N, C-alpha and C. Protein backbone atom coordinates (compact mmCIF):
# COMPACT_ATOMS: atom_id res chain seq x y z
N MET A 1 -31.10 153.67 -83.24
CA MET A 1 -31.41 151.93 -82.09
C MET A 1 -31.05 152.85 -80.91
N LYS A 2 -29.89 152.22 -81.36
CA LYS A 2 -29.41 153.06 -79.25
C LYS A 2 -30.77 154.27 -78.91
N LYS A 3 -30.80 154.79 -78.99
CA LYS A 3 -32.21 156.26 -78.45
C LYS A 3 -33.26 155.39 -78.27
N MET A 4 -33.33 154.78 -79.24
CA MET A 4 -34.83 154.06 -78.93
C MET A 4 -35.33 153.13 -77.44
N ILE A 5 -33.84 151.94 -77.60
CA ILE A 5 -33.50 151.09 -76.44
C ILE A 5 -33.11 152.01 -75.33
N CYS A 6 -32.59 152.92 -75.03
CA CYS A 6 -32.50 154.05 -73.84
C CYS A 6 -34.01 154.47 -73.46
N LEU A 7 -35.28 154.93 -75.07
CA LEU A 7 -36.10 155.15 -74.66
C LEU A 7 -36.51 154.48 -73.30
N ILE A 8 -36.68 153.24 -74.25
CA ILE A 8 -37.14 151.84 -73.89
C ILE A 8 -37.34 151.75 -72.18
N ALA A 9 -35.94 151.75 -71.95
CA ALA A 9 -34.99 152.23 -70.86
C ALA A 9 -35.70 152.91 -70.08
N LEU A 10 -35.27 153.85 -70.15
CA LEU A 10 -35.94 155.45 -68.90
C LEU A 10 -37.60 154.63 -68.40
N ILE A 11 -38.64 154.58 -69.53
CA ILE A 11 -39.97 154.14 -69.64
C ILE A 11 -40.39 153.25 -68.47
N LEU A 12 -39.26 151.77 -68.44
CA LEU A 12 -39.50 150.60 -67.71
C LEU A 12 -39.36 151.43 -65.98
N PHE A 13 -37.42 151.81 -65.67
CA PHE A 13 -37.60 151.65 -64.98
C PHE A 13 -37.44 153.35 -63.93
N ALA A 14 -38.40 154.30 -64.98
CA ALA A 14 -39.05 155.36 -64.23
C ALA A 14 -39.90 155.27 -63.20
N ARG A 15 -39.93 156.06 -62.11
CA ARG A 15 -40.96 155.60 -61.23
C ARG A 15 -42.34 156.99 -61.36
N GLU A 16 -43.83 156.49 -61.11
CA GLU A 16 -44.42 157.50 -61.09
C GLU A 16 -44.27 158.66 -60.74
N ASP A 17 -43.75 159.21 -59.85
CA ASP A 17 -43.12 160.24 -59.03
C ASP A 17 -42.10 160.57 -59.33
N PRO A 18 -41.37 161.25 -60.00
CA PRO A 18 -39.99 161.33 -59.51
C PRO A 18 -39.48 161.29 -58.70
N PHE A 19 -40.34 161.84 -58.04
CA PHE A 19 -39.53 162.93 -56.58
C PHE A 19 -39.87 162.50 -55.17
N GLU A 20 -40.64 161.41 -55.52
CA GLU A 20 -40.64 160.57 -54.60
C GLU A 20 -39.01 159.76 -54.38
N LEU A 21 -38.87 159.59 -52.55
CA LEU A 21 -38.13 159.10 -52.50
C LEU A 21 -37.47 157.40 -52.17
N LYS A 22 -36.43 157.45 -52.76
CA LYS A 22 -36.55 155.74 -53.16
C LYS A 22 -36.19 155.05 -52.03
N MET A 23 -36.05 155.63 -50.91
CA MET A 23 -36.23 154.84 -49.28
C MET A 23 -37.32 155.10 -48.96
N THR A 24 -37.75 154.93 -47.82
CA THR A 24 -38.78 155.35 -46.83
C THR A 24 -37.73 155.63 -45.64
N PRO A 25 -38.22 157.03 -45.25
CA PRO A 25 -37.56 157.82 -43.65
C PRO A 25 -37.52 156.96 -43.22
N LYS A 26 -36.99 156.75 -42.14
CA LYS A 26 -37.55 156.46 -40.46
C LYS A 26 -38.36 156.60 -40.04
N THR A 27 -39.38 156.42 -38.75
CA THR A 27 -40.60 156.61 -38.53
C THR A 27 -40.17 157.23 -37.27
N SER A 28 -40.68 158.75 -37.30
CA SER A 28 -40.48 158.86 -36.65
C SER A 28 -40.43 158.21 -34.44
N PRO A 29 -40.26 159.58 -33.96
CA PRO A 29 -40.15 158.26 -31.80
C PRO A 29 -41.06 158.36 -31.59
N GLN A 30 -41.90 159.48 -32.30
CA GLN A 30 -43.67 159.36 -31.80
C GLN A 30 -44.31 157.59 -31.86
N SER A 31 -44.31 157.34 -33.46
CA SER A 31 -45.13 157.06 -34.61
C SER A 31 -44.01 155.06 -33.87
N VAL A 32 -43.02 155.11 -33.89
CA VAL A 32 -42.82 153.90 -33.79
C VAL A 32 -42.83 153.41 -31.82
N GLU A 33 -43.79 154.94 -30.91
CA GLU A 33 -44.16 154.88 -29.32
C GLU A 33 -45.77 154.31 -29.36
N GLY A 34 -46.18 154.48 -30.59
CA GLY A 34 -47.11 154.57 -30.79
C GLY A 34 -47.83 153.01 -30.68
N ALA A 35 -46.59 152.16 -31.81
CA ALA A 35 -47.15 151.30 -32.69
C ALA A 35 -46.54 150.20 -31.40
N ILE A 36 -46.22 150.43 -30.08
CA ILE A 36 -46.20 149.33 -29.26
C ILE A 36 -46.38 149.87 -28.15
N THR A 37 -47.89 149.41 -27.63
CA THR A 37 -48.72 149.56 -26.38
C THR A 37 -48.76 147.88 -25.42
N LYS A 38 -47.95 147.04 -25.47
CA LYS A 38 -47.45 146.97 -24.76
C LYS A 38 -46.08 146.50 -23.82
N PRO A 39 -46.08 147.01 -22.36
CA PRO A 39 -45.28 147.48 -21.79
C PRO A 39 -44.81 146.41 -21.69
N LEU A 40 -43.09 145.99 -21.11
CA LEU A 40 -42.59 144.70 -20.78
C LEU A 40 -42.68 144.11 -19.63
N GLU A 41 -43.32 142.89 -19.52
CA GLU A 41 -43.66 142.38 -17.91
C GLU A 41 -42.71 141.55 -17.92
N LYS A 42 -42.74 140.37 -18.70
CA LYS A 42 -41.87 139.45 -18.16
C LYS A 42 -41.38 138.70 -19.20
N VAL A 43 -39.55 138.24 -19.74
CA VAL A 43 -39.52 137.71 -19.91
C VAL A 43 -38.36 136.55 -19.78
N GLU A 44 -38.91 134.62 -19.94
CA GLU A 44 -37.55 134.08 -19.70
C GLU A 44 -37.00 133.83 -21.21
N VAL A 45 -36.37 133.04 -20.75
CA VAL A 45 -34.96 132.52 -21.76
C VAL A 45 -33.96 131.16 -21.33
N ASN A 46 -34.57 130.29 -21.44
CA ASN A 46 -33.69 128.84 -21.37
C ASN A 46 -33.43 129.16 -22.44
N LEU A 47 -31.54 128.77 -21.35
CA LEU A 47 -30.37 128.20 -21.95
C LEU A 47 -29.99 127.11 -22.15
N PRO A 48 -28.67 126.53 -22.97
CA PRO A 48 -29.38 124.50 -23.73
C PRO A 48 -28.16 124.42 -22.52
N THR A 49 -28.58 123.20 -21.95
CA THR A 49 -28.11 122.41 -20.75
C THR A 49 -25.84 122.27 -21.05
N THR A 50 -25.80 123.07 -22.52
CA THR A 50 -24.32 122.70 -21.70
C THR A 50 -24.35 124.42 -21.37
N ALA A 51 -24.75 124.93 -21.08
CA ALA A 51 -24.38 125.72 -19.90
C ALA A 51 -24.28 126.23 -19.15
N ARG A 52 -22.68 127.07 -18.28
CA ARG A 52 -23.05 127.11 -16.33
C ARG A 52 -22.39 128.41 -16.86
N ILE A 53 -21.73 129.31 -17.51
CA ILE A 53 -21.68 130.45 -16.69
C ILE A 53 -22.29 131.72 -17.28
N LEU A 54 -23.02 132.45 -17.02
CA LEU A 54 -23.37 133.44 -18.25
C LEU A 54 -22.44 134.46 -18.18
N LYS A 55 -21.94 134.80 -18.95
CA LYS A 55 -20.57 136.17 -19.47
C LYS A 55 -20.99 137.31 -18.86
N GLU A 56 -22.15 138.00 -20.33
CA GLU A 56 -22.21 139.64 -20.18
C GLU A 56 -23.73 139.50 -20.86
N VAL A 57 -24.62 139.94 -20.19
CA VAL A 57 -25.79 139.71 -21.07
C VAL A 57 -25.77 141.41 -22.11
N GLN A 58 -26.59 141.00 -23.00
CA GLN A 58 -26.75 142.59 -23.91
C GLN A 58 -28.40 142.64 -24.70
N PHE A 59 -28.64 144.16 -24.06
CA PHE A 59 -29.77 145.12 -24.30
C PHE A 59 -29.40 146.16 -25.57
N VAL A 60 -30.41 146.04 -26.51
CA VAL A 60 -30.14 146.33 -27.50
C VAL A 60 -31.75 147.37 -27.56
N TYR A 61 -31.86 148.20 -27.65
CA TYR A 61 -33.23 149.26 -27.47
C TYR A 61 -32.79 150.20 -28.63
N GLN A 62 -34.93 150.44 -28.64
CA GLN A 62 -34.49 152.16 -29.70
C GLN A 62 -34.61 152.99 -29.17
N LYS A 63 -33.86 154.80 -29.13
CA LYS A 63 -33.58 155.37 -27.78
C LYS A 63 -35.02 156.50 -28.28
N LEU A 64 -34.89 157.62 -27.97
CA LEU A 64 -36.78 158.93 -28.12
C LEU A 64 -36.48 159.26 -29.22
N ASP A 65 -35.25 159.34 -29.60
CA ASP A 65 -34.44 159.93 -31.06
C ASP A 65 -34.92 158.82 -32.82
N GLY A 66 -35.47 157.54 -32.50
CA GLY A 66 -35.88 156.65 -33.77
C GLY A 66 -33.66 156.03 -33.34
N SER A 67 -33.16 155.83 -33.20
CA SER A 67 -31.95 155.60 -32.89
C SER A 67 -31.56 154.58 -32.68
N ILE A 68 -30.60 153.38 -32.34
CA ILE A 68 -30.64 151.85 -32.17
C ILE A 68 -29.34 152.03 -31.02
N ALA A 69 -29.56 151.51 -30.37
CA ALA A 69 -27.70 150.95 -29.10
C ALA A 69 -28.49 150.76 -28.46
N THR A 70 -26.72 150.39 -28.16
CA THR A 70 -26.37 149.03 -27.19
C THR A 70 -26.56 149.20 -25.57
N GLU A 71 -26.28 148.37 -24.89
CA GLU A 71 -26.08 147.89 -23.51
C GLU A 71 -25.86 147.13 -22.80
N THR A 72 -23.79 146.78 -22.29
CA THR A 72 -23.17 145.44 -21.90
C THR A 72 -23.42 145.28 -20.53
N ILE A 73 -23.60 144.59 -19.91
CA ILE A 73 -24.17 143.88 -18.40
C ILE A 73 -22.96 142.96 -18.25
N LYS A 74 -21.88 143.14 -17.66
CA LYS A 74 -21.18 142.18 -17.60
C LYS A 74 -21.64 141.44 -16.09
N ILE A 75 -21.10 139.83 -16.15
CA ILE A 75 -22.31 139.34 -15.15
C ILE A 75 -21.53 138.30 -14.25
N ASP A 76 -21.19 137.24 -15.53
CA ASP A 76 -19.90 136.08 -14.93
C ASP A 76 -20.26 135.47 -13.52
N SER A 77 -21.24 134.81 -13.86
CA SER A 77 -21.62 134.03 -13.14
C SER A 77 -22.03 133.24 -13.19
N ASP A 78 -21.69 132.04 -13.22
CA ASP A 78 -22.18 130.36 -12.03
C ASP A 78 -23.82 130.36 -12.61
N ILE A 79 -24.75 129.85 -13.59
CA ILE A 79 -25.83 129.40 -13.43
C ILE A 79 -26.37 128.13 -13.40
N ASP A 80 -27.89 127.76 -13.25
CA ASP A 80 -27.95 125.97 -13.19
C ASP A 80 -29.00 126.31 -14.74
N TRP A 81 -28.47 125.03 -15.66
CA TRP A 81 -29.70 125.90 -16.83
C TRP A 81 -30.44 125.32 -16.77
N HIS A 82 -31.07 124.31 -15.76
CA HIS A 82 -32.71 123.90 -15.78
C HIS A 82 -33.54 125.17 -15.32
N TYR A 83 -32.83 125.72 -14.94
CA TYR A 83 -33.58 127.27 -14.85
C TYR A 83 -33.92 128.30 -16.04
N PRO A 84 -34.88 129.23 -15.98
CA PRO A 84 -35.27 129.42 -16.94
C PRO A 84 -34.98 131.15 -16.11
N ILE A 85 -33.04 131.96 -17.31
CA ILE A 85 -33.22 133.33 -16.87
C ILE A 85 -34.50 134.16 -17.15
N SER A 86 -35.12 135.01 -16.08
CA SER A 86 -35.62 135.97 -16.15
C SER A 86 -35.70 137.67 -16.11
N LEU A 87 -36.48 138.23 -17.15
CA LEU A 87 -35.86 139.49 -17.21
C LEU A 87 -37.71 140.09 -16.38
N SER A 88 -37.78 141.06 -16.15
CA SER A 88 -38.40 141.99 -15.83
C SER A 88 -38.89 143.65 -15.18
N GLN A 89 -39.75 143.89 -15.35
CA GLN A 89 -40.37 145.12 -15.21
C GLN A 89 -40.84 144.92 -13.73
N ILE A 90 -40.94 144.98 -12.71
CA ILE A 90 -41.51 144.54 -11.82
C ILE A 90 -41.82 146.01 -10.70
N GLN A 91 -43.50 146.72 -11.10
CA GLN A 91 -44.04 147.46 -10.37
C GLN A 91 -44.73 147.29 -8.51
N ASN A 92 -43.77 148.62 -7.91
CA ASN A 92 -43.93 148.01 -7.09
C ASN A 92 -44.47 148.98 -5.98
N ILE A 93 -44.68 148.92 -4.94
CA ILE A 93 -45.27 150.07 -4.08
C ILE A 93 -45.07 152.10 -5.02
N GLN A 94 -43.58 151.67 -4.74
CA GLN A 94 -43.59 152.91 -5.66
C GLN A 94 -44.62 153.97 -6.90
N GLU A 95 -44.80 152.52 -7.55
CA GLU A 95 -45.10 152.94 -8.81
C GLU A 95 -46.28 152.85 -8.51
N ALA A 96 -47.52 152.58 -7.28
CA ALA A 96 -48.35 152.60 -7.35
C ALA A 96 -48.48 153.82 -6.02
N GLU A 97 -47.61 154.55 -5.39
CA GLU A 97 -47.66 155.60 -4.75
C GLU A 97 -47.74 156.93 -5.47
N LEU A 98 -46.55 156.64 -7.65
CA LEU A 98 -46.55 157.65 -8.77
C LEU A 98 -48.18 158.25 -9.38
N LYS A 99 -49.41 156.73 -8.23
CA LYS A 99 -50.44 157.61 -9.36
C LYS A 99 -51.34 158.48 -8.34
N LYS A 100 -50.65 158.50 -7.04
CA LYS A 100 -51.60 159.42 -6.09
C LYS A 100 -51.08 161.02 -6.32
N PRO A 101 -52.22 161.62 -6.67
CA PRO A 101 -51.73 162.79 -7.26
C PRO A 101 -50.92 163.72 -5.71
N VAL A 102 -49.92 164.49 -6.64
CA VAL A 102 -49.65 165.83 -4.91
C VAL A 102 -49.34 167.15 -5.76
N SER A 103 -49.40 167.80 -5.27
CA SER A 103 -49.56 169.66 -5.05
C SER A 103 -48.91 170.29 -4.33
N TYR A 104 -48.20 171.38 -5.12
CA TYR A 104 -47.84 172.73 -5.23
C TYR A 104 -47.64 173.25 -5.57
N LYS A 105 -47.71 175.12 -4.68
CA LYS A 105 -47.72 176.09 -4.69
C LYS A 105 -46.69 177.36 -4.52
N ILE A 106 -46.69 177.97 -5.42
CA ILE A 106 -45.24 178.47 -5.51
C ILE A 106 -46.54 179.69 -6.55
N GLU A 107 -46.35 180.74 -4.97
CA GLU A 107 -47.56 182.56 -5.26
C GLU A 107 -48.81 181.67 -5.99
N SER A 108 -48.91 182.37 -7.45
CA SER A 108 -49.92 182.11 -7.96
C SER A 108 -50.11 180.87 -8.66
N PHE A 109 -48.96 180.10 -8.68
CA PHE A 109 -48.78 179.31 -9.62
C PHE A 109 -49.23 177.57 -8.90
N GLY A 110 -49.86 176.93 -9.48
CA GLY A 110 -50.38 175.59 -8.93
C GLY A 110 -49.77 174.70 -9.89
N PHE A 111 -48.94 173.68 -9.30
CA PHE A 111 -48.86 172.14 -9.85
C PHE A 111 -49.25 171.35 -9.16
N THR A 112 -49.97 170.07 -10.05
CA THR A 112 -50.51 169.19 -9.87
C THR A 112 -49.89 168.01 -10.10
N ILE A 113 -48.61 166.84 -10.30
CA ILE A 113 -48.40 165.95 -10.30
C ILE A 113 -48.80 164.42 -10.37
N ILE A 114 -49.43 163.63 -11.30
CA ILE A 114 -49.39 162.40 -11.24
C ILE A 114 -49.10 161.72 -12.26
N GLY A 115 -47.98 160.43 -12.47
CA GLY A 115 -46.93 160.16 -12.39
C GLY A 115 -46.52 160.96 -13.45
N LYS A 116 -46.46 160.32 -15.17
CA LYS A 116 -46.46 161.19 -15.98
C LYS A 116 -46.36 162.57 -16.37
N THR A 117 -47.74 163.06 -15.18
CA THR A 117 -48.55 164.35 -15.87
C THR A 117 -48.20 165.54 -14.80
N ILE A 118 -48.12 166.80 -15.52
CA ILE A 118 -47.77 167.43 -14.29
C ILE A 118 -49.28 168.67 -14.92
N GLN A 119 -50.17 169.16 -13.52
CA GLN A 119 -51.18 170.21 -14.47
C GLN A 119 -50.77 171.31 -13.70
N ILE A 120 -50.26 172.28 -14.67
CA ILE A 120 -50.17 173.97 -14.27
C ILE A 120 -50.96 174.78 -14.20
N THR A 121 -51.45 174.74 -12.76
CA THR A 121 -52.85 176.02 -12.88
C THR A 121 -52.00 177.36 -12.67
N SER A 122 -52.11 178.35 -13.80
CA SER A 122 -52.12 179.82 -13.96
C SER A 122 -53.04 180.39 -14.79
N PRO A 123 -52.76 182.33 -14.59
CA PRO A 123 -53.76 182.88 -14.85
C PRO A 123 -52.72 183.40 -15.77
N TYR A 124 -51.79 182.84 -16.00
CA TYR A 124 -51.11 183.90 -17.17
C TYR A 124 -50.96 183.32 -18.58
N LYS A 125 -51.19 183.84 -19.69
CA LYS A 125 -50.88 183.49 -21.50
C LYS A 125 -49.38 183.09 -21.46
N LEU A 126 -49.81 181.39 -22.26
CA LEU A 126 -48.03 181.03 -22.23
C LEU A 126 -47.60 181.37 -23.26
N GLU A 127 -46.49 182.11 -23.69
CA GLU A 127 -45.55 182.86 -25.03
C GLU A 127 -45.60 181.51 -25.29
N GLN A 128 -44.26 180.85 -25.09
CA GLN A 128 -42.89 179.68 -25.65
C GLN A 128 -42.80 178.72 -24.98
N ILE A 129 -42.68 177.25 -25.31
CA ILE A 129 -42.12 176.48 -24.70
C ILE A 129 -41.19 175.64 -25.56
N PHE A 130 -39.91 175.05 -24.57
CA PHE A 130 -38.68 174.50 -25.16
C PHE A 130 -37.87 173.61 -23.98
N VAL A 131 -37.22 172.88 -24.84
CA VAL A 131 -36.28 172.52 -23.86
C VAL A 131 -34.69 172.56 -24.23
N LEU A 132 -34.53 172.78 -22.37
CA LEU A 132 -32.65 172.96 -22.38
C LEU A 132 -31.90 171.42 -21.91
N PRO A 133 -30.58 171.22 -22.35
CA PRO A 133 -30.15 169.92 -22.07
C PRO A 133 -28.77 170.12 -20.79
N LYS A 134 -28.69 169.03 -19.73
CA LYS A 134 -27.82 169.02 -19.26
C LYS A 134 -28.24 170.06 -17.85
N PRO A 135 -28.91 169.84 -16.90
CA PRO A 135 -29.81 168.39 -16.92
C PRO A 135 -31.24 168.76 -18.44
N PHE A 136 -31.44 167.73 -18.05
CA PHE A 136 -33.38 168.20 -19.36
C PHE A 136 -33.46 168.87 -18.54
N ARG A 137 -34.38 169.93 -18.93
CA ARG A 137 -35.78 170.42 -18.92
C ARG A 137 -36.63 171.31 -19.08
N ILE A 138 -37.19 170.76 -19.33
CA ILE A 138 -38.78 171.83 -20.54
C ILE A 138 -38.70 173.53 -19.39
N ILE A 139 -38.97 174.34 -20.19
CA ILE A 139 -39.15 175.58 -19.49
C ILE A 139 -40.24 176.10 -20.63
N LEU A 140 -40.87 176.76 -20.29
CA LEU A 140 -42.26 177.46 -20.05
C LEU A 140 -42.43 178.76 -20.06
N ASP A 141 -42.31 180.10 -20.71
CA ASP A 141 -42.57 181.34 -20.41
C ASP A 141 -43.62 181.86 -20.48
N LEU A 142 -44.07 182.39 -19.41
CA LEU A 142 -45.43 183.18 -19.67
C LEU A 142 -45.84 184.36 -19.09
N GLN A 143 -46.85 185.31 -19.94
CA GLN A 143 -46.61 186.39 -19.72
C GLN A 143 -46.78 186.81 -18.33
N LYS A 144 -46.18 187.78 -17.76
CA LYS A 144 -45.92 188.43 -16.34
C LYS A 144 -46.45 189.31 -15.98
N GLY A 145 -47.40 189.36 -14.62
CA GLY A 145 -47.66 189.87 -13.85
C GLY A 145 -47.43 190.92 -12.77
N GLU A 146 -48.59 190.81 -12.01
CA GLU A 146 -47.74 191.93 -10.74
C GLU A 146 -46.43 191.62 -9.72
N GLU A 147 -46.75 190.30 -9.33
CA GLU A 147 -45.95 189.60 -8.90
C GLU A 147 -44.41 189.18 -8.88
N ILE A 148 -43.61 189.66 -8.01
CA ILE A 148 -42.13 189.34 -8.18
C ILE A 148 -41.45 188.15 -7.13
N ILE A 149 -41.87 186.22 -7.94
CA ILE A 149 -41.48 185.15 -8.30
C ILE A 149 -39.99 184.64 -8.26
N ASN A 150 -39.60 183.85 -7.54
CA ASN A 150 -38.31 183.54 -7.75
C ASN A 150 -38.63 182.16 -6.01
N GLN A 151 -38.80 181.33 -7.11
CA GLN A 151 -38.39 180.40 -6.36
C GLN A 151 -38.49 179.11 -6.98
N ASP A 152 -37.60 177.51 -6.03
CA ASP A 152 -37.65 176.25 -6.04
C ASP A 152 -38.16 175.49 -5.17
N ILE A 153 -38.26 174.28 -6.01
CA ILE A 153 -39.35 173.67 -5.38
C ILE A 153 -38.55 172.21 -5.46
N ALA A 154 -37.98 171.27 -4.64
CA ALA A 154 -36.22 169.95 -5.17
C ALA A 154 -37.49 169.23 -4.60
N LEU A 155 -37.70 168.07 -5.62
CA LEU A 155 -38.89 166.52 -5.40
C LEU A 155 -38.44 165.53 -5.16
N ASP A 156 -38.87 164.56 -4.30
CA ASP A 156 -38.80 163.50 -4.38
C ASP A 156 -39.46 162.40 -4.60
N ARG A 157 -39.38 162.88 -6.00
CA ARG A 157 -40.55 161.30 -7.06
C ARG A 157 -39.41 161.04 -8.33
N ARG A 158 -39.95 160.43 -9.52
CA ARG A 158 -39.39 160.50 -10.71
C ARG A 158 -39.68 161.09 -11.55
N PHE A 159 -39.47 161.05 -12.47
CA PHE A 159 -39.58 161.74 -13.61
C PHE A 159 -39.06 163.30 -13.56
N PHE A 160 -40.44 164.43 -12.22
CA PHE A 160 -40.07 165.13 -12.08
C PHE A 160 -39.30 166.16 -11.08
N ARG A 161 -38.10 166.12 -11.14
CA ARG A 161 -37.26 166.09 -9.85
C ARG A 161 -36.83 167.90 -9.18
N VAL A 162 -37.36 168.91 -10.07
CA VAL A 162 -37.40 170.04 -9.67
C VAL A 162 -38.75 171.43 -10.31
N ILE A 163 -39.14 171.73 -9.54
CA ILE A 163 -40.32 172.33 -10.27
C ILE A 163 -39.20 174.26 -9.57
N SER A 164 -38.60 174.84 -10.55
CA SER A 164 -39.10 176.53 -10.50
C SER A 164 -39.47 177.22 -11.52
N VAL A 165 -40.10 178.69 -9.97
CA VAL A 165 -40.55 179.47 -10.92
C VAL A 165 -39.93 180.98 -10.70
N GLY A 166 -38.88 181.39 -11.79
CA GLY A 166 -38.03 182.84 -12.02
C GLY A 166 -39.13 184.44 -12.24
N THR A 167 -38.19 185.10 -12.32
CA THR A 167 -38.85 186.23 -12.82
C THR A 167 -38.27 187.20 -13.91
N HIS A 168 -38.33 187.30 -14.31
CA HIS A 168 -37.76 187.92 -15.90
C HIS A 168 -38.24 189.78 -15.91
N LYS A 169 -38.02 190.14 -17.26
CA LYS A 169 -37.90 190.93 -17.70
C LYS A 169 -39.57 191.13 -18.04
N ASN A 170 -39.78 190.49 -18.87
CA ASN A 170 -41.53 191.22 -19.31
C ASN A 170 -41.85 189.46 -19.27
N TYR A 171 -42.05 188.49 -18.87
CA TYR A 171 -42.19 187.26 -18.65
C TYR A 171 -41.93 186.20 -17.09
N TYR A 172 -42.22 185.61 -16.62
CA TYR A 172 -42.09 184.78 -15.31
C TYR A 172 -41.83 182.83 -16.47
N ARG A 173 -40.28 182.41 -15.90
CA ARG A 173 -40.49 181.58 -16.50
C ARG A 173 -40.81 180.15 -15.60
N ILE A 174 -41.27 179.17 -16.13
CA ILE A 174 -41.27 177.80 -15.23
C ILE A 174 -39.91 177.06 -15.97
N SER A 175 -39.19 175.87 -14.37
CA SER A 175 -38.68 175.31 -15.41
C SER A 175 -38.84 173.89 -14.71
N LEU A 176 -39.30 172.90 -15.24
CA LEU A 176 -39.20 171.28 -15.41
C LEU A 176 -37.67 171.01 -14.85
N GLU A 177 -37.30 170.24 -14.43
CA GLU A 177 -36.19 169.48 -14.25
C GLU A 177 -36.48 168.40 -14.17
N LEU A 178 -36.02 167.04 -15.14
CA LEU A 178 -37.02 166.01 -15.06
C LEU A 178 -35.69 164.85 -14.85
N ASP A 179 -35.85 163.76 -14.54
CA ASP A 179 -34.61 162.68 -14.83
C ASP A 179 -34.42 162.36 -15.39
N GLY A 180 -34.58 162.69 -16.53
CA GLY A 180 -34.50 161.93 -18.17
C GLY A 180 -34.31 163.06 -19.15
N GLN A 181 -33.92 162.10 -20.48
CA GLN A 181 -34.98 163.06 -21.44
C GLN A 181 -36.63 162.56 -21.90
N TYR A 182 -36.98 163.20 -21.77
CA TYR A 182 -38.83 162.97 -22.91
C TYR A 182 -39.63 163.37 -23.48
N ALA A 183 -39.88 163.17 -24.62
CA ALA A 183 -40.45 163.96 -25.15
C ALA A 183 -41.93 164.08 -24.08
N TYR A 184 -42.79 165.54 -25.27
CA TYR A 184 -44.41 165.51 -24.02
C TYR A 184 -45.30 165.76 -25.25
N ASP A 185 -46.40 166.01 -24.09
CA ASP A 185 -47.24 166.66 -25.57
C ASP A 185 -48.07 168.16 -24.50
N LEU A 186 -48.06 168.81 -24.70
CA LEU A 186 -49.57 169.72 -24.28
C LEU A 186 -50.66 170.26 -24.62
N GLY A 187 -50.87 170.39 -23.20
CA GLY A 187 -52.73 170.29 -23.51
C GLY A 187 -53.12 171.70 -22.38
N GLN A 188 -53.95 172.66 -23.37
CA GLN A 188 -54.60 173.50 -22.56
C GLN A 188 -55.91 173.49 -21.90
N ASN A 189 -56.08 173.64 -20.72
CA ASN A 189 -57.80 174.05 -19.82
C ASN A 189 -57.83 174.80 -19.83
N GLU A 190 -59.56 174.77 -18.40
CA GLU A 190 -59.74 175.76 -18.68
C GLU A 190 -58.95 175.95 -17.49
N LYS A 191 -58.50 175.63 -16.36
CA LYS A 191 -56.74 175.87 -15.40
C LYS A 191 -55.80 176.30 -15.86
N GLY A 192 -54.82 175.62 -16.79
CA GLY A 192 -53.67 176.36 -17.28
C GLY A 192 -53.38 175.28 -18.51
N TYR A 193 -52.38 174.42 -17.77
CA TYR A 193 -51.69 173.83 -18.95
C TYR A 193 -51.42 172.62 -18.43
N THR A 194 -51.66 171.64 -18.99
CA THR A 194 -50.80 170.19 -18.99
C THR A 194 -50.64 169.76 -19.68
N LEU A 195 -49.14 169.38 -18.87
CA LEU A 195 -47.55 168.13 -19.33
C LEU A 195 -47.23 166.95 -19.54
N THR A 196 -47.49 166.21 -20.31
CA THR A 196 -47.51 164.74 -20.38
C THR A 196 -46.23 164.11 -20.80
N LEU A 197 -45.25 164.07 -20.19
CA LEU A 197 -44.26 162.78 -20.19
C LEU A 197 -44.66 161.74 -21.86
N ARG A 198 -43.76 161.43 -22.45
CA ARG A 198 -44.03 160.19 -23.07
C ARG A 198 -42.15 159.72 -23.44
């Protein structure tokens, strides 16, 4: 009888696929990012009539790796509850400047930046691409030609801070130093390679 009850219980609680995960894994940063298509413009918060001093503001945000973090900002300022408190990301002249293409040249390598995208013009084949932290850099190793190249260009702009090309024994190394941590997409075209930050 006990065996019969155990068998019935196993049938009732068994899953169709025994290898299926019990929990749904956390979605990747790429899929989460793709789900939110509307950028932050403006948020207004109306506080109750009893509010007099704004002590702090806490931001809860999702990071590139999908984890959740918080940032608390101390305010300690008098407020007038009659007016809403606004949060916005304002597009300014600098934003418009970022949309203009800017080009740089290091020997046989060309670099054209438009916002978060850089077009790398090169006759050489890409061998590998990887990331180095502190400072955050995207590294591209390409087949080596005859030229000996060792040059850096410091950029006064957002996203891309420094472009470096160096000659190693069997390859050229392009280092793109960024102003923060980003995921990226890499594409190939007739000119070379296009790298877009996310």
